[in-house]
């Protein structure tokens, strides 16, 4: 990583923010791995009454996680979207 995350002049509060971003990214990546491993597509072949979760909801969750991951990456790259 380069840019904002490696800036040595940051205060301790900024470093805490960086640590939180790194932790958030790790957590989002973990959630995406779980969501990607889910056999959601195969669920469509079984009767709807047997579904444990709605595959469409899983797709919405994955989209949200990917969007969040993109926001974390943008912040890490120093491209604060605000």
Protein backbone atom coordinates (compact mmCIF):
# COMPACT_ATOMS: atom_id res chain seq x y z
CA UNK A 1 0.00 0.00 0.00
CA UNK A 2 1.14 3.48 -0.69
CA UNK A 3 -0.06 6.96 -0.05
CA UNK A 4 -2.18 7.90 2.93
CA UNK A 5 -1.65 4.67 4.88
CA UNK A 6 2.14 4.96 4.86
CA UNK A 7 2.33 8.67 5.75
CA UNK A 8 4.69 8.80 8.75
CA UNK A 9 3.45 12.26 9.81
CA UNK A 10 0.01 10.99 10.87
CA UNK A 11 -1.11 11.43 14.46
CA UNK A 12 -1.96 8.52 16.76
CA UNK A 13 -5.67 9.15 16.04
CA UNK A 14 -4.96 8.83 12.32
CA UNK A 15 -3.05 5.61 12.96
CA UNK A 16 -6.02 4.27 14.92
CA UNK A 17 -8.17 5.09 11.90
CA UNK A 18 -5.78 3.23 9.63
CA UNK A 19 -5.83 0.23 11.97
CA UNK A 20 -9.61 0.29 11.86
CA UNK A 21 -9.60 0.44 8.05
CA UNK A 22 -7.24 -2.53 7.89
CA UNK A 23 -9.42 -4.47 10.34
CA UNK A 24 -12.57 -3.52 8.42
CA UNK A 25 -11.02 -4.64 5.14
CA UNK A 26 -10.04 -7.99 6.67
CA UNK A 27 -13.53 -8.47 8.06
CA UNK A 28 -15.21 -7.57 4.75
CA UNK A 29 -12.89 -9.92 2.86
CA UNK A 30 -13.79 -12.70 5.30
CA UNK A 31 -17.51 -12.06 4.89
CA UNK A 32 -17.10 -12.05 1.10
CA UNK A 33 -15.25 -15.37 1.24
CA UNK A 34 -18.13 -16.88 3.21
CA UNK A 35 -20.73 -15.37 0.87
CA UNK A 36 -18.82 -16.52 -2.23
CA UNK A 37 -18.55 -20.05 -0.84
CA UNK A 38 -22.31 -20.20 -0.31
CA UNK A 39 -24.06 -22.46 -2.80
CA UNK A 40 -26.72 -19.80 -3.45
CA UNK A 41 -26.99 -20.44 -7.18
CA UNK A 42 -27.62 -24.14 -6.64
CA UNK A 43 -30.49 -23.27 -4.34
CA UNK A 44 -32.58 -22.24 -7.35
CA UNK A 45 -32.72 -25.87 -8.44
CA UNK A 46 -34.51 -26.91 -5.23
CA UNK A 47 -38.09 -26.04 -4.34
CA UNK A 48 -38.47 -22.60 -2.77
CA UNK A 49 -39.99 -24.16 0.35
CA UNK A 50 -36.63 -25.85 1.03
CA UNK A 51 -34.52 -22.70 0.82
CA UNK A 52 -32.78 -21.73 4.04
CA UNK A 53 -32.05 -18.27 2.64
CA UNK A 54 -33.27 -16.33 -0.35
CA UNK A 55 -30.52 -16.36 -3.02
CA UNK A 56 -31.49 -12.83 -4.05
CA UNK A 57 -30.75 -11.62 -0.51
CA UNK A 58 -27.31 -13.22 -0.71
CA UNK A 59 -26.64 -11.39 -3.96
CA UNK A 60 -27.68 -8.09 -2.38
CA UNK A 61 -25.39 -8.79 0.59
CA UNK A 62 -22.46 -9.61 -1.70
CA UNK A 63 -23.04 -6.41 -3.66
CA UNK A 64 -23.04 -4.38 -0.45
CA UNK A 65 -19.86 -6.06 0.77
CA UNK A 66 -18.09 -5.42 -2.53
CA UNK A 67 -19.18 -1.79 -2.40
CA UNK A 68 -17.88 -1.46 1.16
CA UNK A 69 -14.60 -3.08 0.16
CA UNK A 70 -14.27 -0.59 -2.70
CA UNK A 71 -14.82 2.29 -0.29
CA UNK A 72 -12.13 0.95 2.06
CA UNK A 73 -9.71 0.57 -0.84
CA UNK A 74 -10.44 4.14 -1.96
CA UNK A 75 -9.71 5.47 1.51
CA UNK A 76 -6.53 3.43 1.74
CA UNK A 77 -5.39 4.82 -1.61
CA UNK A 78 -5.93 8.34 -0.36
CA UNK A 79 -8.93 8.98 -2.58
CA UNK A 80 -11.29 10.02 0.19
CA UNK A 81 -14.69 10.16 -1.60
CA UNK A 82 -15.97 13.01 0.62
